[in-house]
N, C-alpha and C. Protein backbone atom coordinates (compact mmCIF):
# COMPACT_ATOMS: atom_id res chain seq x y z
N MET A 1 2.15 14.79 8.32
CA MET A 1 1.96 13.44 7.80
C MET A 1 1.26 13.51 6.44
N GLN A 2 0.33 14.45 6.30
CA GLN A 2 -0.40 14.55 5.03
C GLN A 2 0.56 14.74 3.86
N VAL A 3 1.50 15.65 4.02
CA VAL A 3 2.47 15.94 2.96
C VAL A 3 3.37 14.73 2.72
N LEU A 4 3.77 14.06 3.76
CA LEU A 4 4.65 12.90 3.60
C LEU A 4 3.93 11.75 2.92
N TRP A 5 2.64 11.56 3.22
CA TRP A 5 1.89 10.52 2.50
C TRP A 5 1.78 10.88 1.02
N GLU A 6 1.60 12.15 0.74
CA GLU A 6 1.49 12.59 -0.65
C GLU A 6 2.79 12.35 -1.41
N LEU A 7 3.92 12.71 -0.79
CA LEU A 7 5.22 12.58 -1.47
C LEU A 7 5.81 11.18 -1.37
N GLU A 8 5.39 10.42 -0.38
CA GLU A 8 5.86 9.06 -0.09
C GLU A 8 7.25 9.02 0.54
N GLU A 9 8.15 9.87 0.12
CA GLU A 9 9.44 10.04 0.76
C GLU A 9 9.94 11.43 0.42
N ALA A 10 10.62 12.06 1.40
CA ALA A 10 11.04 13.44 1.16
C ALA A 10 12.08 13.89 2.17
N PHE A 11 12.92 14.81 1.73
CA PHE A 11 13.83 15.53 2.61
C PHE A 11 13.05 16.69 3.21
N VAL A 12 13.53 17.26 4.29
CA VAL A 12 12.83 18.36 4.96
C VAL A 12 12.53 19.50 3.99
N ASN A 13 13.50 19.86 3.14
CA ASN A 13 13.28 20.95 2.18
C ASN A 13 12.13 20.64 1.22
N GLU A 14 11.98 19.38 0.83
CA GLU A 14 10.88 19.00 -0.07
C GLU A 14 9.53 19.09 0.65
N LEU A 15 9.52 18.77 1.94
CA LEU A 15 8.30 18.91 2.72
C LEU A 15 7.91 20.38 2.82
N ILE A 16 8.88 21.23 3.10
CA ILE A 16 8.61 22.67 3.24
C ILE A 16 8.04 23.24 1.94
N GLU A 17 8.53 22.79 0.80
CA GLU A 17 8.05 23.28 -0.50
C GLU A 17 6.55 23.07 -0.67
N LYS A 18 5.99 22.05 -0.06
CA LYS A 18 4.58 21.71 -0.22
C LYS A 18 3.65 22.58 0.64
N PHE A 19 4.22 23.32 1.58
CA PHE A 19 3.41 24.16 2.46
C PHE A 19 3.10 25.49 1.78
N PRO A 20 1.93 26.06 2.08
CA PRO A 20 1.60 27.37 1.53
C PRO A 20 2.42 28.46 2.22
N GLU A 21 2.44 29.63 1.61
CA GLU A 21 3.10 30.80 2.23
C GLU A 21 2.29 31.25 3.43
N PRO A 22 2.86 31.72 4.46
CA PRO A 22 4.30 31.74 4.72
C PRO A 22 4.80 30.35 5.09
N LYS A 23 5.88 29.94 4.48
CA LYS A 23 6.45 28.61 4.70
C LYS A 23 6.95 28.49 6.15
N PRO A 24 6.76 27.31 6.74
CA PRO A 24 7.31 27.11 8.09
C PRO A 24 8.83 27.06 8.04
N ALA A 25 9.45 27.33 9.17
CA ALA A 25 10.91 27.31 9.26
C ALA A 25 11.43 25.88 9.13
N TYR A 26 12.62 25.75 8.59
CA TYR A 26 13.27 24.45 8.44
C TYR A 26 13.31 23.71 9.78
N ASN A 27 13.75 24.41 10.83
CA ASN A 27 13.87 23.78 12.15
C ASN A 27 12.52 23.28 12.67
N THR A 28 11.46 24.00 12.37
CA THR A 28 10.12 23.59 12.81
C THR A 28 9.74 22.25 12.18
N ILE A 29 9.88 22.16 10.87
CA ILE A 29 9.52 20.92 10.16
C ILE A 29 10.45 19.78 10.58
N SER A 30 11.74 20.07 10.70
CA SER A 30 12.70 19.06 11.12
C SER A 30 12.34 18.50 12.50
N THR A 31 11.98 19.37 13.41
CA THR A 31 11.60 18.95 14.77
C THR A 31 10.34 18.10 14.74
N ILE A 32 9.35 18.52 13.98
CA ILE A 32 8.08 17.77 13.90
C ILE A 32 8.33 16.38 13.32
N VAL A 33 9.12 16.30 12.27
CA VAL A 33 9.41 15.01 11.64
C VAL A 33 10.15 14.09 12.60
N ARG A 34 11.09 14.65 13.36
CA ARG A 34 11.83 13.83 14.33
C ARG A 34 10.92 13.34 15.45
N ILE A 35 9.97 14.16 15.86
CA ILE A 35 9.00 13.73 16.88
C ILE A 35 8.14 12.60 16.32
N LEU A 36 7.69 12.75 15.09
CA LEU A 36 6.90 11.69 14.46
C LEU A 36 7.71 10.40 14.32
N GLU A 37 9.01 10.56 14.08
CA GLU A 37 9.89 9.39 13.98
C GLU A 37 10.01 8.70 15.34
N LYS A 38 10.18 9.46 16.41
CA LYS A 38 10.28 8.89 17.75
C LYS A 38 8.99 8.16 18.14
N LYS A 39 7.86 8.64 17.63
CA LYS A 39 6.58 8.01 17.94
C LYS A 39 6.30 6.80 17.05
N GLY A 40 7.17 6.55 16.07
CA GLY A 40 7.03 5.37 15.23
C GLY A 40 6.18 5.56 13.99
N PHE A 41 5.88 6.82 13.64
CA PHE A 41 5.06 7.09 12.46
C PHE A 41 5.89 7.28 11.21
N VAL A 42 7.16 7.66 11.39
CA VAL A 42 8.03 8.03 10.28
C VAL A 42 9.38 7.32 10.44
N GLY A 43 9.97 6.93 9.31
CA GLY A 43 11.31 6.38 9.30
C GLY A 43 12.18 7.23 8.39
N HIS A 44 13.47 6.91 8.31
CA HIS A 44 14.34 7.67 7.42
C HIS A 44 15.46 6.82 6.86
N LYS A 45 15.99 7.31 5.74
CA LYS A 45 17.22 6.79 5.16
C LYS A 45 18.24 7.91 5.26
N ALA A 46 19.45 7.57 5.71
CA ALA A 46 20.49 8.58 5.87
C ALA A 46 21.29 8.70 4.58
N PHE A 47 21.54 9.93 4.17
CA PHE A 47 22.41 10.26 3.04
C PHE A 47 23.42 11.27 3.57
N GLY A 48 24.48 10.77 4.17
CA GLY A 48 25.42 11.66 4.84
C GLY A 48 24.73 12.29 6.04
N LYS A 49 24.74 13.61 6.10
CA LYS A 49 24.08 14.31 7.20
C LYS A 49 22.60 14.56 6.93
N SER A 50 22.16 14.29 5.71
CA SER A 50 20.76 14.50 5.35
C SER A 50 19.95 13.24 5.57
N HIS A 51 18.68 13.43 5.86
CA HIS A 51 17.77 12.31 6.04
C HIS A 51 16.58 12.45 5.10
N GLN A 52 16.26 11.35 4.44
CA GLN A 52 15.06 11.29 3.62
C GLN A 52 14.03 10.51 4.41
N TYR A 53 12.90 11.15 4.69
CA TYR A 53 11.87 10.57 5.55
C TYR A 53 10.79 9.89 4.73
N HIS A 54 10.17 8.89 5.35
CA HIS A 54 9.06 8.16 4.72
C HIS A 54 8.09 7.70 5.82
N PRO A 55 6.81 7.61 5.48
CA PRO A 55 5.84 7.14 6.48
C PRO A 55 6.03 5.66 6.77
N LEU A 56 5.85 5.27 8.01
CA LEU A 56 5.94 3.85 8.40
C LEU A 56 4.56 3.22 8.51
N MET A 57 3.53 4.04 8.39
CA MET A 57 2.17 3.50 8.43
C MET A 57 1.31 4.25 7.44
N SER A 58 0.29 3.56 6.97
CA SER A 58 -0.63 4.17 6.01
C SER A 58 -1.50 5.21 6.70
N LYS A 59 -2.16 6.00 5.89
CA LYS A 59 -3.08 7.01 6.40
C LYS A 59 -4.17 6.35 7.23
N LYS A 60 -4.67 5.21 6.78
CA LYS A 60 -5.74 4.50 7.51
C LYS A 60 -5.23 3.98 8.85
N GLU A 61 -4.03 3.38 8.86
CA GLU A 61 -3.46 2.90 10.12
C GLU A 61 -3.27 4.05 11.11
N TYR A 62 -2.77 5.17 10.61
CA TYR A 62 -2.55 6.34 11.46
C TYR A 62 -3.88 6.85 12.01
N ALA A 63 -4.89 6.96 11.13
CA ALA A 63 -6.21 7.44 11.57
C ALA A 63 -6.81 6.50 12.60
N ASP A 64 -6.70 5.20 12.38
CA ASP A 64 -7.24 4.22 13.34
C ASP A 64 -6.57 4.38 14.71
N LYS A 65 -5.25 4.51 14.70
CA LYS A 65 -4.51 4.65 15.96
C LYS A 65 -4.85 5.96 16.65
N TYR A 66 -4.87 7.05 15.89
CA TYR A 66 -5.17 8.36 16.46
C TYR A 66 -6.59 8.39 17.01
N PHE A 67 -7.55 7.88 16.24
CA PHE A 67 -8.95 7.92 16.66
C PHE A 67 -9.17 7.05 17.89
N SER A 68 -8.56 5.89 17.92
CA SER A 68 -8.67 5.03 19.10
C SER A 68 -8.15 5.74 20.34
N HIS A 69 -7.01 6.41 20.20
CA HIS A 69 -6.42 7.17 21.31
C HIS A 69 -7.35 8.31 21.72
N PHE A 70 -7.92 9.00 20.74
CA PHE A 70 -8.84 10.10 20.98
C PHE A 70 -10.07 9.63 21.78
N VAL A 71 -10.67 8.52 21.36
CA VAL A 71 -11.84 7.99 22.06
C VAL A 71 -11.46 7.55 23.47
N GLN A 72 -10.31 6.92 23.60
CA GLN A 72 -9.86 6.47 24.92
C GLN A 72 -9.63 7.66 25.85
N LYS A 73 -8.95 8.69 25.35
CA LYS A 73 -8.58 9.83 26.19
C LYS A 73 -9.77 10.73 26.55
N TYR A 74 -10.61 11.02 25.58
CA TYR A 74 -11.68 12.01 25.80
C TYR A 74 -13.05 11.41 26.09
N PHE A 75 -13.23 10.13 25.80
CA PHE A 75 -14.55 9.51 26.00
C PHE A 75 -14.46 8.21 26.80
N SER A 76 -13.43 8.07 27.60
CA SER A 76 -13.22 6.91 28.47
C SER A 76 -13.36 5.59 27.72
N ASN A 77 -12.86 5.58 26.49
CA ASN A 77 -12.89 4.40 25.63
C ASN A 77 -14.30 3.93 25.31
N SER A 78 -15.26 4.86 25.33
CA SER A 78 -16.66 4.53 25.07
C SER A 78 -17.13 5.20 23.78
N TYR A 79 -17.35 4.38 22.75
CA TYR A 79 -17.87 4.91 21.49
C TYR A 79 -19.31 5.41 21.67
N GLN A 80 -20.02 4.80 22.59
CA GLN A 80 -21.37 5.26 22.89
C GLN A 80 -21.34 6.69 23.43
N SER A 81 -20.37 6.99 24.30
CA SER A 81 -20.21 8.36 24.82
C SER A 81 -19.86 9.33 23.69
N LEU A 82 -19.04 8.89 22.77
CA LEU A 82 -18.68 9.72 21.62
C LEU A 82 -19.93 10.06 20.80
N VAL A 83 -20.71 9.05 20.49
CA VAL A 83 -21.93 9.26 19.69
C VAL A 83 -22.91 10.15 20.44
N SER A 84 -23.04 9.93 21.74
CA SER A 84 -23.91 10.77 22.55
C SER A 84 -23.45 12.23 22.50
N PHE A 85 -22.16 12.44 22.61
CA PHE A 85 -21.60 13.78 22.53
C PHE A 85 -21.93 14.41 21.17
N LEU A 86 -21.72 13.65 20.09
CA LEU A 86 -21.97 14.18 18.75
C LEU A 86 -23.44 14.54 18.54
N THR A 87 -24.33 13.73 19.06
CA THR A 87 -25.76 14.00 18.84
C THR A 87 -26.23 15.22 19.61
N ARG A 88 -25.53 15.59 20.67
CA ARG A 88 -25.92 16.77 21.44
C ARG A 88 -25.34 18.06 20.88
N GLN A 89 -24.47 17.97 19.92
CA GLN A 89 -23.84 19.16 19.36
C GLN A 89 -24.81 19.90 18.44
N GLU A 90 -24.92 21.19 18.63
CA GLU A 90 -25.82 21.99 17.81
C GLU A 90 -25.32 22.11 16.37
N LYS A 91 -24.07 21.73 16.12
CA LYS A 91 -23.51 21.83 14.78
C LYS A 91 -24.06 20.75 13.85
N LEU A 92 -24.62 19.69 14.43
CA LEU A 92 -25.21 18.62 13.62
C LEU A 92 -26.68 18.95 13.38
N ASP A 93 -27.04 19.04 12.10
CA ASP A 93 -28.45 19.26 11.81
C ASP A 93 -29.13 17.92 11.56
N ILE A 94 -30.43 17.97 11.35
CA ILE A 94 -31.22 16.74 11.13
C ILE A 94 -30.66 15.93 9.97
N LYS A 95 -30.28 16.59 8.89
CA LYS A 95 -29.76 15.89 7.71
C LYS A 95 -28.49 15.11 8.07
N ASP A 96 -27.58 15.74 8.82
CA ASP A 96 -26.35 15.06 9.25
C ASP A 96 -26.67 13.85 10.13
N MET A 97 -27.57 14.04 11.09
CA MET A 97 -27.92 12.94 12.00
C MET A 97 -28.60 11.79 11.26
N GLU A 98 -29.45 12.12 10.29
CA GLU A 98 -30.10 11.06 9.50
C GLU A 98 -29.07 10.30 8.67
N ALA A 99 -28.08 11.00 8.12
CA ALA A 99 -27.03 10.34 7.34
C ALA A 99 -26.20 9.42 8.24
N ILE A 100 -25.89 9.89 9.45
CA ILE A 100 -25.15 9.06 10.40
C ILE A 100 -25.97 7.83 10.78
N ARG A 101 -27.25 8.03 11.05
CA ARG A 101 -28.12 6.91 11.42
C ARG A 101 -28.19 5.90 10.28
N SER A 102 -28.27 6.38 9.06
CA SER A 102 -28.31 5.48 7.91
C SER A 102 -27.03 4.64 7.81
N LEU A 103 -25.88 5.29 8.02
CA LEU A 103 -24.61 4.56 8.01
C LEU A 103 -24.56 3.52 9.12
N MET A 104 -25.05 3.90 10.30
CA MET A 104 -25.08 2.97 11.43
C MET A 104 -26.01 1.79 11.13
N ASP A 105 -27.18 2.07 10.58
CA ASP A 105 -28.13 1.00 10.23
C ASP A 105 -27.52 0.02 9.22
N GLU A 106 -26.82 0.56 8.22
CA GLU A 106 -26.17 -0.30 7.23
C GLU A 106 -25.14 -1.22 7.89
N GLU A 107 -24.34 -0.66 8.78
CA GLU A 107 -23.30 -1.45 9.45
C GLU A 107 -23.93 -2.49 10.38
N ILE A 108 -24.99 -2.12 11.08
CA ILE A 108 -25.70 -3.07 11.95
C ILE A 108 -26.22 -4.24 11.14
N ASN A 109 -26.85 -3.95 10.00
CA ASN A 109 -27.37 -5.01 9.14
C ASN A 109 -26.26 -5.89 8.60
N LYS A 110 -25.14 -5.28 8.22
CA LYS A 110 -24.01 -6.04 7.71
C LYS A 110 -23.47 -6.98 8.78
N GLN A 111 -23.32 -6.48 10.01
CA GLN A 111 -22.78 -7.31 11.09
C GLN A 111 -23.75 -8.39 11.53
N LYS A 112 -25.04 -8.14 11.35
CA LYS A 112 -26.04 -9.15 11.70
C LYS A 112 -26.21 -10.16 10.57
N GLY A 113 -25.50 -9.99 9.50
CA GLY A 113 -25.59 -10.95 8.39
C GLY A 113 -26.66 -10.59 7.40
N GLY A 114 -26.97 -9.31 7.28
CA GLY A 114 -27.93 -8.87 6.28
C GLY A 114 -29.37 -9.00 6.68
N GLU A 115 -29.64 -9.24 7.99
CA GLU A 115 -31.03 -9.32 8.45
C GLU A 115 -31.73 -8.00 8.21
N ASN A 116 -33.01 -8.03 7.91
CA ASN A 116 -33.80 -6.81 7.80
C ASN A 116 -34.55 -6.63 9.11
N GLY A 117 -34.74 -5.34 9.46
CA GLY A 117 -35.54 -5.23 10.61
C GLY A 117 -35.41 -4.07 11.40
């Protein structure tokens, strides 16, 4: 999807060109694009036997849908469980947690209408 968002529309060969060496096989990319099309993320225009693919949703729409599914599947649709999981990870240092808390505080204040407190 990243490559398709970058190109906006592309044939399979154009998608393959954007990948680093070793390039994936044509059939691999073709299969992935068709799966994404079946899932409603990608559409195509037919040019004879060739298809030019294009994204059907923006990067933000895709991220929102994917993340919602991720939270639902792995955290029982609980964002609180997700945050709890993240805070227990040793990979997050104090600086990261303080930055996250600051972002959360800003959003809380915004949703409360700018109240201080």
